[in-house]
Amino acid sequence: MLDEDGNPVGPNEEGYLGGSRLLAAMMRTIYGDPDRYVSQYWTRFPGIYMTGDSAKRDEDGYVWVIGRVDDVIKVSGYRLGTAKSKAHWLAIPRYRRQR
């Protein structure tokens, strides 16, 4: 887990989840857009694959995944932005916020 500057965080401190040891799933690409794959997962901290999740390691060494660092939800392999979902629901009169 790394902080905003790429430094390791201490026990029970939240940071960006990533790693430099490659697994087979990390060596793939985004179909039809290999440049986006590199910019999305490999450029924030050079040489470190970033998962897009935040996490912390407790004093016993266990990793706790906190959640996404962006506003994206993945459902059945589709990435959904929360802003797009919110706009959809607010377009339905009975779900609009009451003022």
PDB file of N, CA and C in Angstrom:
ATOM      1  N   MET A   1       0.830  -1.162   0.000  1.00  0.00           N
ATOM      2  CA  MET A   1       0.000   0.000   0.000  1.00  0.00           C
ATOM      3  C   MET A   1       0.887   1.241   0.000  1.00  0.00           C
ATOM      4  N   LEU A   2       0.515   2.177  -0.866  1.00  0.00           N
ATOM      5  CA  LEU A   2       1.332   3.376  -1.032  1.00  0.00           C
ATOM      6  C   LEU A   2       0.498   4.623  -0.782  1.00  0.00           C
ATOM      7  N   ASP A   3       1.169   5.684  -0.311  1.00  0.00           N
ATOM      8  CA  ASP A   3       0.479   6.959  -0.140  1.00  0.00           C
ATOM      9  C   ASP A   3       0.499   7.746  -1.455  1.00  0.00           C
ATOM     10  N   GLU A   4       0.022   8.967  -1.431  1.00  0.00           N
ATOM     11  CA  GLU A   4      -0.064   9.804  -2.636  1.00  0.00           C
ATOM     12  C   GLU A   4       1.281   9.987  -3.347  1.00  0.00           C
ATOM     13  N   ASP A   5       2.375   9.945  -2.572  1.00  0.00           N
ATOM     14  CA  ASP A   5       3.705  10.170  -3.138  1.00  0.00           C
ATOM     15  C   ASP A   5       4.424   8.873  -3.515  1.00  0.00           C
ATOM     16  N   GLY A   6       3.758   7.728  -3.320  1.00  0.00           N
ATOM     17  CA  GLY A   6       4.375   6.449  -3.666  1.00  0.00           C
ATOM     18  C   GLY A   6       5.194   5.831  -2.547  1.00  0.00           C
ATOM     19  N   ASN A   7       5.070   6.360  -1.331  1.00  0.00           N
ATOM     20  CA  ASN A   7       5.787   5.807  -0.184  1.00  0.00           C
ATOM     21  C   ASN A   7       4.915   4.775   0.523  1.00  0.00           C
ATOM     22  N   PRO A   8       5.519   3.718   1.052  1.00  0.00           N
ATOM     23  CA  PRO A   8       4.729   2.716   1.784  1.00  0.00           C
ATOM     24  C   PRO A   8       4.038   3.346   3.004  1.00  0.00           C
ATOM     25  N   VAL A   9       2.819   2.929   3.265  1.00  0.00           N
ATOM     26  CA  VAL A   9       2.100   3.423   4.440  1.00  0.00           C
ATOM     27  C   VAL A   9       2.340   2.476   5.607  1.00  0.00           C
ATOM     28  N   GLY A  10       2.162   2.985   6.806  1.00  0.00           N
ATOM     29  CA  GLY A  10       2.367   2.186   8.008  1.00  0.00           C
ATOM     30  C   GLY A  10       1.170   1.304   8.324  1.00  0.00           C
ATOM     31  N   PRO A  11       1.288   0.502   9.390  1.00  0.00           N
ATOM     32  CA  PRO A  11       0.182  -0.359   9.802  1.00  0.00           C
ATOM     33  C   PRO A  11      -1.089   0.444  10.060  1.00  0.00           C
ATOM     34  N   ASN A  12      -2.215  -0.082   9.617  1.00  0.00           N
ATOM     35  CA  ASN A  12      -3.537   0.526   9.792  1.00  0.00           C
ATOM     36  C   ASN A  12      -3.704   1.874   9.102  1.00  0.00           C
ATOM     37  N   GLU A  13      -2.834   2.193   8.162  1.00  0.00           N
ATOM     38  CA  GLU A  13      -2.991   3.408   7.361  1.00  0.00           C
ATOM     39  C   GLU A  13      -3.475   3.006   5.979  1.00  0.00           C
ATOM     40  N   GLU A  14      -4.466   3.742   5.483  1.00  0.00           N
ATOM     41  CA  GLU A  14      -5.027   3.436   4.164  1.00  0.00           C
ATOM     42  C   GLU A  14      -4.125   3.973   3.059  1.00  0.00           C
ATOM     43  N   GLY A  15      -4.004   3.205   1.983  1.00  0.00           N
ATOM     44  CA  GLY A  15      -3.207   3.624   0.841  1.00  0.00           C
ATOM     45  C   GLY A  15      -3.679   2.953  -0.433  1.00  0.00           C
ATOM     46  N   TYR A  16      -2.983   3.235  -1.518  1.00  0.00           N
ATOM     47  CA  TYR A  16      -3.305   2.637  -2.812  1.00  0.00           C
ATOM     48  C   TYR A  16      -2.765   1.220  -2.851  1.00  0.00           C
ATOM     49  N   LEU A  17      -3.602   0.272  -3.300  1.00  0.00           N
ATOM     50  CA  LEU A  17      -3.187  -1.128  -3.387  1.00  0.00           C
ATOM     51  C   LEU A  17      -2.506  -1.365  -4.729  1.00  0.00           C
ATOM     52  N   GLY A  18      -1.303  -1.897  -4.678  1.00  0.00           N
ATOM     53  CA  GLY A  18      -0.556  -2.174  -5.907  1.00  0.00           C
ATOM     54  C   GLY A  18       0.563  -3.143  -5.615  1.00  0.00           C
ATOM     55  N   GLY A  19       1.305  -3.497  -6.656  1.00  0.00           N
ATOM     56  CA  GLY A  19       2.417  -4.413  -6.454  1.00  0.00           C
ATOM     57  C   GLY A  19       3.333  -4.460  -7.651  1.00  0.00           C
ATOM     58  N   SER A  20       4.551  -4.900  -7.417  1.00  0.00           N
ATOM     59  CA  SER A  20       5.535  -4.971  -8.500  1.00  0.00           C
ATOM     60  C   SER A  20       5.775  -6.399  -8.962  1.00  0.00           C
ATOM     61  N   ARG A  21       5.279  -7.400  -8.235  1.00  0.00           N
ATOM     62  CA  ARG A  21       5.431  -8.800  -8.639  1.00  0.00           C
ATOM     63  C   ARG A  21       4.255  -9.152  -9.542  1.00  0.00           C
ATOM     64  N   LEU A  22       4.550  -9.505 -10.763  1.00  0.00           N
ATOM     65  CA  LEU A  22       3.504  -9.728 -11.751  1.00  0.00           C
ATOM     66  C   LEU A  22       2.843 -11.098 -11.635  1.00  0.00           C
ATOM     67  N   LEU A  23       1.538 -11.094 -11.813  1.00  0.00           N
ATOM     68  CA  LEU A  23       0.753 -12.321 -11.935  1.00  0.00           C
ATOM     69  C   LEU A  23       0.231 -12.370 -13.361  1.00  0.00           C
ATOM     70  N   ALA A  24      -0.190 -13.518 -13.810  1.00  0.00           N
ATOM     71  CA  ALA A  24      -0.654 -13.663 -15.193  1.00  0.00           C
ATOM     72  C   ALA A  24      -1.785 -12.685 -15.526  1.00  0.00           C
ATOM     73  N   ALA A  25      -2.699 -12.455 -14.616  1.00  0.00           N
ATOM     74  CA  ALA A  25      -3.828 -11.564 -14.888  1.00  0.00           C
ATOM     75  C   ALA A  25      -3.384 -10.114 -15.082  1.00  0.00           C
ATOM     76  N   MET A  26      -2.250  -9.734 -14.527  1.00  0.00           N
ATOM     77  CA  MET A  26      -1.762  -8.361 -14.657  1.00  0.00           C
ATOM     78  C   MET A  26      -1.054  -8.113 -15.979  1.00  0.00           C
ATOM     79  N   MET A  27      -0.649  -9.157 -16.656  1.00  0.00           N
ATOM     80  CA  MET A  27       0.128  -8.995 -17.881  1.00  0.00           C
ATOM     81  C   MET A  27      -0.745  -8.943 -19.125  1.00  0.00           C
ATOM     82  N   ARG A  28      -2.035  -8.817 -18.944  1.00  0.00           N
ATOM     83  CA  ARG A  28      -2.944  -8.725 -20.076  1.00  0.00           C
ATOM     84  C   ARG A  28      -3.046  -7.281 -20.532  1.00  0.00           C
ATOM     85  N   THR A  29      -3.966  -7.010 -21.401  1.00  0.00           N
ATOM     86  CA  THR A  29      -4.162  -5.652 -21.892  1.00  0.00           C
ATOM     87  C   THR A  29      -5.655  -5.358 -21.947  1.00  0.00           C
ATOM     88  N   ILE A  30      -6.015  -4.161 -22.298  1.00  0.00           N
ATOM     89  CA  ILE A  30      -7.412  -3.818 -22.534  1.00  0.00           C
ATOM     90  C   ILE A  30      -7.637  -4.022 -24.018  1.00  0.00           C
ATOM     91  N   TYR A  31      -8.585  -4.854 -24.383  1.00  0.00           N
ATOM     92  CA  TYR A  31      -8.811  -5.218 -25.776  1.00  0.00           C
ATOM     93  C   TYR A  31      -8.924  -3.980 -26.665  1.00  0.00           C
ATOM     94  N   GLY A  32      -8.073  -3.915 -27.655  1.00  0.00           N
ATOM     95  CA  GLY A  32      -8.111  -2.830 -28.628  1.00  0.00           C
ATOM     96  C   GLY A  32      -7.532  -1.509 -28.142  1.00  0.00           C
ATOM     97  N   ASP A  33      -7.031  -1.465 -26.909  1.00  0.00           N
ATOM     98  CA  ASP A  33      -6.495  -0.206 -26.393  1.00  0.00           C
ATOM     99  C   ASP A  33      -5.335  -0.453 -25.428  1.00  0.00           C
ATOM    100  N   PRO A  34      -4.202  -0.956 -25.941  1.00  0.00           N
ATOM    101  CA  PRO A  34      -3.074  -1.257 -25.057  1.00  0.00           C
ATOM    102  C   PRO A  34      -2.491  -0.020 -24.372  1.00  0.00           C
ATOM    103  N   ASP A  35      -2.603   1.146 -25.005  1.00  0.00           N
ATOM    104  CA  ASP A  35      -2.089   2.371 -24.376  1.00  0.00           C
ATOM    105  C   ASP A  35      -2.891   2.728 -23.128  1.00  0.00           C
ATOM    106  N   ARG A  36      -4.199   2.514 -23.191  1.00  0.00           N
ATOM    107  CA  ARG A  36      -5.045   2.790 -22.015  1.00  0.00           C
ATOM    108  C   ARG A  36      -4.688   1.839 -20.877  1.00  0.00           C
ATOM    109  N   TYR A  37      -4.366   0.595 -21.212  1.00  0.00           N
ATOM    110  CA  TYR A  37      -3.962  -0.369 -20.184  1.00  0.00           C
ATOM    111  C   TYR A  37      -2.743   0.150 -19.427  1.00  0.00           C
ATOM    112  N   VAL A  38      -1.768   0.630 -20.156  1.00  0.00           N
ATOM    113  CA  VAL A  38      -0.550   1.154 -19.518  1.00  0.00           C
ATOM    114  C   VAL A  38      -0.877   2.386 -18.683  1.00  0.00           C
ATOM    115  N   SER A  39      -1.629   3.334 -19.252  1.00  0.00           N
ATOM    116  CA  SER A  39      -1.925   4.566 -18.511  1.00  0.00           C
ATOM    117  C   SER A  39      -2.830   4.308 -17.310  1.00  0.00           C
ATOM    118  N   GLN A  40      -3.726   3.349 -17.417  1.00  0.00           N
ATOM    119  CA  GLN A  40      -4.678   3.057 -16.336  1.00  0.00           C
ATOM    120  C   GLN A  40      -4.015   2.362 -15.152  1.00  0.00           C
ATOM    121  N   TYR A  41      -3.127   1.408 -15.425  1.00  0.00           N
ATOM    122  CA  TYR A  41      -2.621   0.548 -14.358  1.00  0.00           C
ATOM    123  C   TYR A  41      -1.145   0.703 -14.022  1.00  0.00           C
ATOM    124  N   TRP A  42      -0.339   1.316 -14.889  1.00  0.00           N
ATOM    125  CA  TRP A  42       1.109   1.305 -14.697  1.00  0.00           C
ATOM    126  C   TRP A  42       1.780   2.664 -14.573  1.00  0.00           C
ATOM    127  N   THR A  43       1.081   3.771 -14.725  1.00  0.00           N
ATOM    128  CA  THR A  43       1.789   5.054 -14.772  1.00  0.00           C
ATOM    129  C   THR A  43       1.777   5.851 -13.473  1.00  0.00           C
ATOM    130  N   ARG A  44       0.841   5.626 -12.589  1.00  0.00           N
ATOM    131  CA  ARG A  44       0.804   6.429 -11.362  1.00  0.00           C
ATOM    132  C   ARG A  44       2.114   6.308 -10.589  1.00  0.00           C
ATOM    133  N   PHE A  45       2.571   5.082 -10.406  1.00  0.00           N
ATOM    134  CA  PHE A  45       3.858   4.815  -9.770  1.00  0.00           C
ATOM    135  C   PHE A  45       4.607   3.864 -10.704  1.00  0.00           C
ATOM    136  N   PRO A  46       5.563   4.358 -11.489  1.00  0.00           N
ATOM    137  CA  PRO A  46       6.246   3.545 -12.504  1.00  0.00           C
ATOM    138  C   PRO A  46       6.771   2.216 -11.948  1.00  0.00           C
ATOM    139  N   GLY A  47       6.477   1.146 -12.699  1.00  0.00           N
ATOM    140  CA  GLY A  47       6.931  -0.186 -12.317  1.00  0.00           C
ATOM    141  C   GLY A  47       6.042  -0.893 -11.315  1.00  0.00           C
ATOM    142  N   ILE A  48       4.969  -0.232 -10.884  1.00  0.00           N
ATOM    143  CA  ILE A  48       4.058  -0.834  -9.917  1.00  0.00           C
ATOM    144  C   ILE A  48       2.663  -0.891 -10.528  1.00  0.00           C
ATOM    145  N   TYR A  49       2.083  -2.080 -10.538  1.00  0.00           N
ATOM    146  CA  TYR A  49       0.723  -2.280 -11.044  1.00  0.00           C
ATOM    147  C   TYR A  49      -0.255  -1.789  -9.980  1.00  0.00           C
ATOM    148  N   MET A  50      -1.121  -0.849 -10.355  1.00  0.00           N
ATOM    149  CA  MET A  50      -2.118  -0.320  -9.428  1.00  0.00           C
ATOM    150  C   MET A  50      -3.470  -0.952  -9.715  1.00  0.00           C
ATOM    151  N   THR A  51      -4.101  -1.503  -8.690  1.00  0.00           N
ATOM    152  CA  THR A  51      -5.367  -2.213  -8.855  1.00  0.00           C
ATOM    153  C   THR A  51      -6.564  -1.280  -8.972  1.00  0.00           C
ATOM    154  N   GLY A  52      -6.432  -0.046  -8.496  1.00  0.00           N
ATOM    155  CA  GLY A  52      -7.574   0.872  -8.457  1.00  0.00           C
ATOM    156  C   GLY A  52      -8.325   0.775  -7.142  1.00  0.00           C
ATOM    157  N   ASP A  53      -7.772   0.044  -6.183  1.00  0.00           N
ATOM    158  CA  ASP A  53      -8.408  -0.120  -4.874  1.00  0.00           C
ATOM    159  C   ASP A  53      -7.572   0.543  -3.789  1.00  0.00           C
ATOM    160  N   SER A  54      -8.243   0.903  -2.699  1.00  0.00           N
ATOM    161  CA  SER A  54      -7.516   1.353  -1.517  1.00  0.00           C
ATOM    162  C   SER A  54      -7.543   0.216  -0.506  1.00  0.00           C
ATOM    163  N   ALA A  55      -6.519   0.156   0.335  1.00  0.00           N
ATOM    164  CA  ALA A  55      -6.415  -0.934   1.298  1.00  0.00           C
ATOM    165  C   ALA A  55      -5.542  -0.500   2.462  1.00  0.00           C
ATOM    166  N   LYS A  56      -5.559  -1.303   3.504  1.00  0.00           N
ATOM    167  CA  LYS A  56      -4.644  -1.096   4.630  1.00  0.00           C
ATOM    168  C   LYS A  56      -4.188  -2.456   5.117  1.00  0.00           C
ATOM    169  N   ARG A  57      -3.031  -2.484   5.759  1.00  0.00           N
ATOM    170  CA  ARG A  57      -2.498  -3.723   6.353  1.00  0.00           C
ATOM    171  C   ARG A  57      -2.555  -3.524   7.867  1.00  0.00           C
ATOM    172  N   ASP A  58      -3.190  -4.464   8.558  1.00  0.00           N
ATOM    173  CA  ASP A  58      -3.287  -4.315  10.008  1.00  0.00           C
ATOM    174  C   ASP A  58      -1.991  -4.747  10.692  1.00  0.00           C
ATOM    175  N   GLU A  59      -1.951  -4.615  11.997  1.00  0.00           N
ATOM    176  CA  GLU A  59      -0.717  -4.920  12.736  1.00  0.00           C
ATOM    177  C   GLU A  59      -0.339  -6.401  12.676  1.00  0.00           C
ATOM    178  N   ASP A  60      -1.279  -7.276  12.308  1.00  0.00           N
ATOM    179  CA  ASP A  60      -0.985  -8.701  12.154  1.00  0.00           C
ATOM    180  C   ASP A  60      -0.542  -9.061  10.737  1.00  0.00           C
ATOM    181  N   GLY A  61      -0.525  -8.074   9.834  1.00  0.00           N
ATOM    182  CA  GLY A  61      -0.089  -8.319   8.470  1.00  0.00           C
ATOM    183  C   GLY A  61      -1.206  -8.639   7.491  1.00  0.00           C
ATOM    184  N   TYR A  62      -2.441  -8.673   7.969  1.00  0.00           N
ATOM    185  CA  TYR A  62      -3.567  -8.950   7.080  1.00  0.00           C
ATOM    186  C   TYR A  62      -3.917  -7.709   6.271  1.00  0.00           C
ATOM    187  N   VAL A  63      -4.239  -7.911   4.990  1.00  0.00           N
ATOM    188  CA  VAL A  63      -4.602  -6.806   4.105  1.00  0.00           C
ATOM    189  C   VAL A  63      -6.119  -6.665   4.080  1.00  0.00           C
ATOM    190  N   TRP A  64      -6.597  -5.452   4.291  1.00  0.00           N
ATOM    191  CA  TRP A  64      -8.024  -5.134   4.261  1.00  0.00           C
ATOM    192  C   TRP A  64      -8.269  -4.249   3.048  1.00  0.00           C
ATOM    193  N   VAL A  65      -9.026  -4.752   2.075  1.00  0.00           N
ATOM    194  CA  VAL A  65      -9.365  -3.944   0.901  1.00  0.00           C
ATOM    195  C   VAL A  65     -10.544  -3.058   1.287  1.00  0.00           C
ATOM    196  N   ILE A  66     -10.351  -1.754   1.174  1.00  0.00           N
ATOM    197  CA  ILE A  66     -11.355  -0.782   1.609  1.00  0.00           C
ATOM    198  C   ILE A  66     -12.379  -0.525   0.510  1.00  0.00           C
ATOM    199  N   GLY A  67     -11.924  -0.332  -0.710  1.00  0.00           N
ATOM    200  CA  GLY A  67     -12.841  -0.062  -1.820  1.00  0.00           C
ATOM    201  C   GLY A  67     -12.108   0.593  -2.973  1.00  0.00           C
ATOM    202  N   ARG A  68     -12.862   1.040  -3.936  1.00  0.00           N
ATOM    203  CA  ARG A  68     -12.294   1.669  -5.131  1.00  0.00           C
ATOM    204  C   ARG A  68     -11.801   3.074  -4.819  1.00  0.00           C
ATOM    205  N   VAL A  69     -10.736   3.496  -5.513  1.00  0.00           N
ATOM    206  CA  VAL A  69     -10.251   4.865  -5.372  1.00  0.00           C
ATOM    207  C   VAL A  69     -10.906   5.774  -6.407  1.00  0.00           C
ATOM    208  N   ASP A  70     -11.593   5.163  -7.379  1.00  0.00           N
ATOM    209  CA  ASP A  70     -12.346   5.962  -8.347  1.00  0.00           C
ATOM    210  C   ASP A  70     -13.836   5.675  -8.146  1.00  0.00           C
ATOM    211  N   ASP A  71     -14.664   6.293  -8.915  1.00  0.00           N
ATOM    212  CA  ASP A  71     -16.103   6.102  -8.784  1.00  0.00           C
ATOM    213  C   ASP A  71     -16.612   5.122  -9.825  1.00  0.00           C
ATOM    214  N   VAL A  72     -16.016   3.939  -9.872  1.00  0.00           N
ATOM    215  CA  VAL A  72     -16.402   2.930 -10.849  1.00  0.00           C
ATOM    216  C   VAL A  72     -16.847   1.675 -10.116  1.00  0.00           C
ATOM    217  N   ILE A  73     -17.943   1.108 -10.579  1.00  0.00           N
ATOM    218  CA  ILE A  73     -18.459  -0.143 -10.045  1.00  0.00           C
ATOM    219  C   ILE A  73     -18.409  -1.158 -11.186  1.00  0.00           C
ATOM    220  N   LYS A  74     -17.921  -2.341 -10.906  1.00  0.00           N
ATOM    221  CA  LYS A  74     -17.860  -3.365 -11.946  1.00  0.00           C
ATOM    222  C   LYS A  74     -18.948  -4.395 -11.689  1.00  0.00           C
ATOM    223  N   VAL A  75     -19.834  -4.565 -12.665  1.00  0.00           N
ATOM    224  CA  VAL A  75     -20.941  -5.512 -12.555  1.00  0.00           C
ATOM    225  C   VAL A  75     -20.916  -6.416 -13.777  1.00  0.00           C
ATOM    226  N   SER A  76     -20.788  -7.712 -13.559  1.00  0.00           N
ATOM    227  CA  SER A  76     -20.767  -8.692 -14.652  1.00  0.00           C
ATOM    228  C   SER A  76     -19.777  -8.314 -15.748  1.00  0.00           C
ATOM    229  N   GLY A  77     -18.627  -7.793 -15.354  1.00  0.00           N
ATOM    230  CA  GLY A  77     -17.591  -7.445 -16.317  1.00  0.00           C
ATOM    231  C   GLY A  77     -17.746  -6.077 -16.947  1.00  0.00           C
ATOM    232  N   TYR A  78     -18.809  -5.347 -16.615  1.00  0.00           N
ATOM    233  CA  TYR A  78     -19.016  -4.004 -17.171  1.00  0.00           C
ATOM    234  C   TYR A  78     -18.665  -2.964 -16.124  1.00  0.00           C
ATOM    235  N   ARG A  79     -17.927  -1.940 -16.552  1.00  0.00           N
ATOM    236  CA  ARG A  79     -17.557  -0.859 -15.655  1.00  0.00           C
ATOM    237  C   ARG A  79     -18.621   0.233 -15.722  1.00  0.00           C
ATOM    238  N   LEU A  80     -19.227   0.536 -14.576  1.00  0.00           N
ATOM    239  CA  LEU A  80     -20.270   1.548 -14.502  1.00  0.00           C
ATOM    240  C   LEU A  80     -19.797   2.705 -13.637  1.00  0.00           C
ATOM    241  N   GLY A  81     -19.848   3.905 -14.176  1.00  0.00           N
ATOM    242  CA  GLY A  81     -19.506   5.080 -13.396  1.00  0.00           C
ATOM    243  C   GLY A  81     -20.686   5.490 -12.533  1.00  0.00           C
ATOM    244  N   THR A  82     -20.412   5.890 -11.284  1.00  0.00           N
ATOM    245  CA  THR A  82     -21.511   6.251 -10.399  1.00  0.00           C
ATOM    246  C   THR A  82     -22.229   7.509 -10.867  1.00  0.00           C
ATOM    247  N   ALA A  83     -21.535   8.423 -11.520  1.00  0.00           N
ATOM    248  CA  ALA A  83     -22.182   9.643 -12.011  1.00  0.00           C
ATOM    249  C   ALA A  83     -23.230   9.303 -13.075  1.00  0.00           C
ATOM    250  N   LYS A  84     -22.893   8.351 -13.936  1.00  0.00           N
ATOM    251  CA  LYS A  84     -23.846   7.946 -14.978  1.00  0.00           C
ATOM    252  C   LYS A  84     -25.062   7.260 -14.356  1.00  0.00           C
ATOM    253  N   SER A  85     -24.846   6.424 -13.367  1.00  0.00           N
ATOM    254  CA  SER A  85     -25.947   5.752 -12.682  1.00  0.00           C
ATOM    255  C   SER A  85     -26.831   6.756 -11.957  1.00  0.00           C
ATOM    256  N   LYS A  86     -26.195   7.700 -11.284  1.00  0.00           N
ATOM    257  CA  LYS A  86     -26.950   8.716 -10.557  1.00  0.00           C
ATOM    258  C   LYS A  86     -27.805   9.536 -11.515  1.00  0.00           C
ATOM    259  N   ALA A  87     -27.248   9.930 -12.654  1.00  0.00           N
ATOM    260  CA  ALA A  87     -27.999  10.708 -13.644  1.00  0.00           C
ATOM    261  C   ALA A  87     -29.211   9.929 -14.138  1.00  0.00           C
ATOM    262  N   HIS A  88     -29.022   8.629 -14.334  1.00  0.00           N
ATOM    263  CA  HIS A  88     -30.138   7.784 -14.781  1.00  0.00           C
ATOM    264  C   HIS A  88     -31.266   7.787 -13.753  1.00  0.00           C
ATOM    265  N   TRP A  89     -30.925   7.552 -12.479  1.00  0.00           N
ATOM    266  CA  TRP A  89     -31.951   7.485 -11.441  1.00  0.00           C
ATOM    267  C   TRP A  89     -32.616   8.837 -11.213  1.00  0.00           C
ATOM    268  N   LEU A  90     -31.858   9.910 -11.298  1.00  0.00           N
ATOM    269  CA  LEU A  90     -32.453  11.238 -11.081  1.00  0.00           C
ATOM    270  C   LEU A  90     -33.354  11.666 -12.235  1.00  0.00           C
ATOM    271  N   ALA A  91     -33.226  11.008 -13.383  1.00  0.00           N
ATOM    272  CA  ALA A  91     -34.108  11.309 -14.511  1.00  0.00           C
ATOM    273  C   ALA A  91     -35.497  10.709 -14.314  1.00  0.00           C
ATOM    274  N   ILE A  92     -35.651   9.809 -13.372  1.00  0.00           N
ATOM    275  CA  ILE A  92     -36.943   9.189 -13.075  1.00  0.00           C
ATOM    276  C   ILE A  92     -37.616  10.017 -11.980  1.00  0.00           C
ATOM    277  N   PRO A  93     -38.763  10.646 -12.280  1.00  0.00           N
ATOM    278  CA  PRO A  93     -39.383  11.578 -11.332  1.00  0.00           C
ATOM    279  C   PRO A  93     -39.571  11.047  -9.909  1.00  0.00           C
ATOM    280  N   ARG A  94     -39.977   9.815  -9.743  1.00  0.00           N
ATOM    281  CA  ARG A  94     -40.240   9.342  -8.376  1.00  0.00           C
ATOM    282  C   ARG A  94     -38.972   9.096  -7.564  1.00  0.00           C
ATOM    283  N   TYR A  95     -37.799   9.068  -8.217  1.00  0.00           N
ATOM    284  CA  TYR A  95     -36.533   8.885  -7.507  1.00  0.00           C
ATOM    285  C   TYR A  95     -35.751  10.170  -7.305  1.00  0.00           C
ATOM    286  N   ARG A  96     -36.255  11.268  -7.806  1.00  0.00           N
ATOM    287  CA  ARG A  96     -35.545  12.545  -7.621  1.00  0.00           C
ATOM    288  C   ARG A  96     -35.514  12.914  -6.150  1.00  0.00           C
ATOM    289  N   ARG A  97     -34.485  13.644  -5.800  1.00  0.00           N
ATOM    290  CA  ARG A  97     -34.357  14.103  -4.410  1.00  0.00           C
ATOM    291  C   ARG A  97     -35.470  15.076  -4.081  1.00  0.00           C
ATOM    292  N   GLN A  98     -35.954  14.969  -2.868  1.00  0.00           N
ATOM    293  CA  GLN A  98     -36.962  15.915  -2.391  1.00  0.00           C
ATOM    294  C   GLN A  98     -36.236  17.090  -1.771  1.00  0.00           C
ATOM    295  N   ARG A  99     -36.694  18.286  -2.084  1.00  0.00           N
ATOM    296  CA  ARG A  99     -36.032  19.477  -1.501  1.00  0.00           C
ATOM    297  C   ARG A  99     -36.867  20.083  -0.429  1.00  0.00           C
TER     298      ARG A  99
END
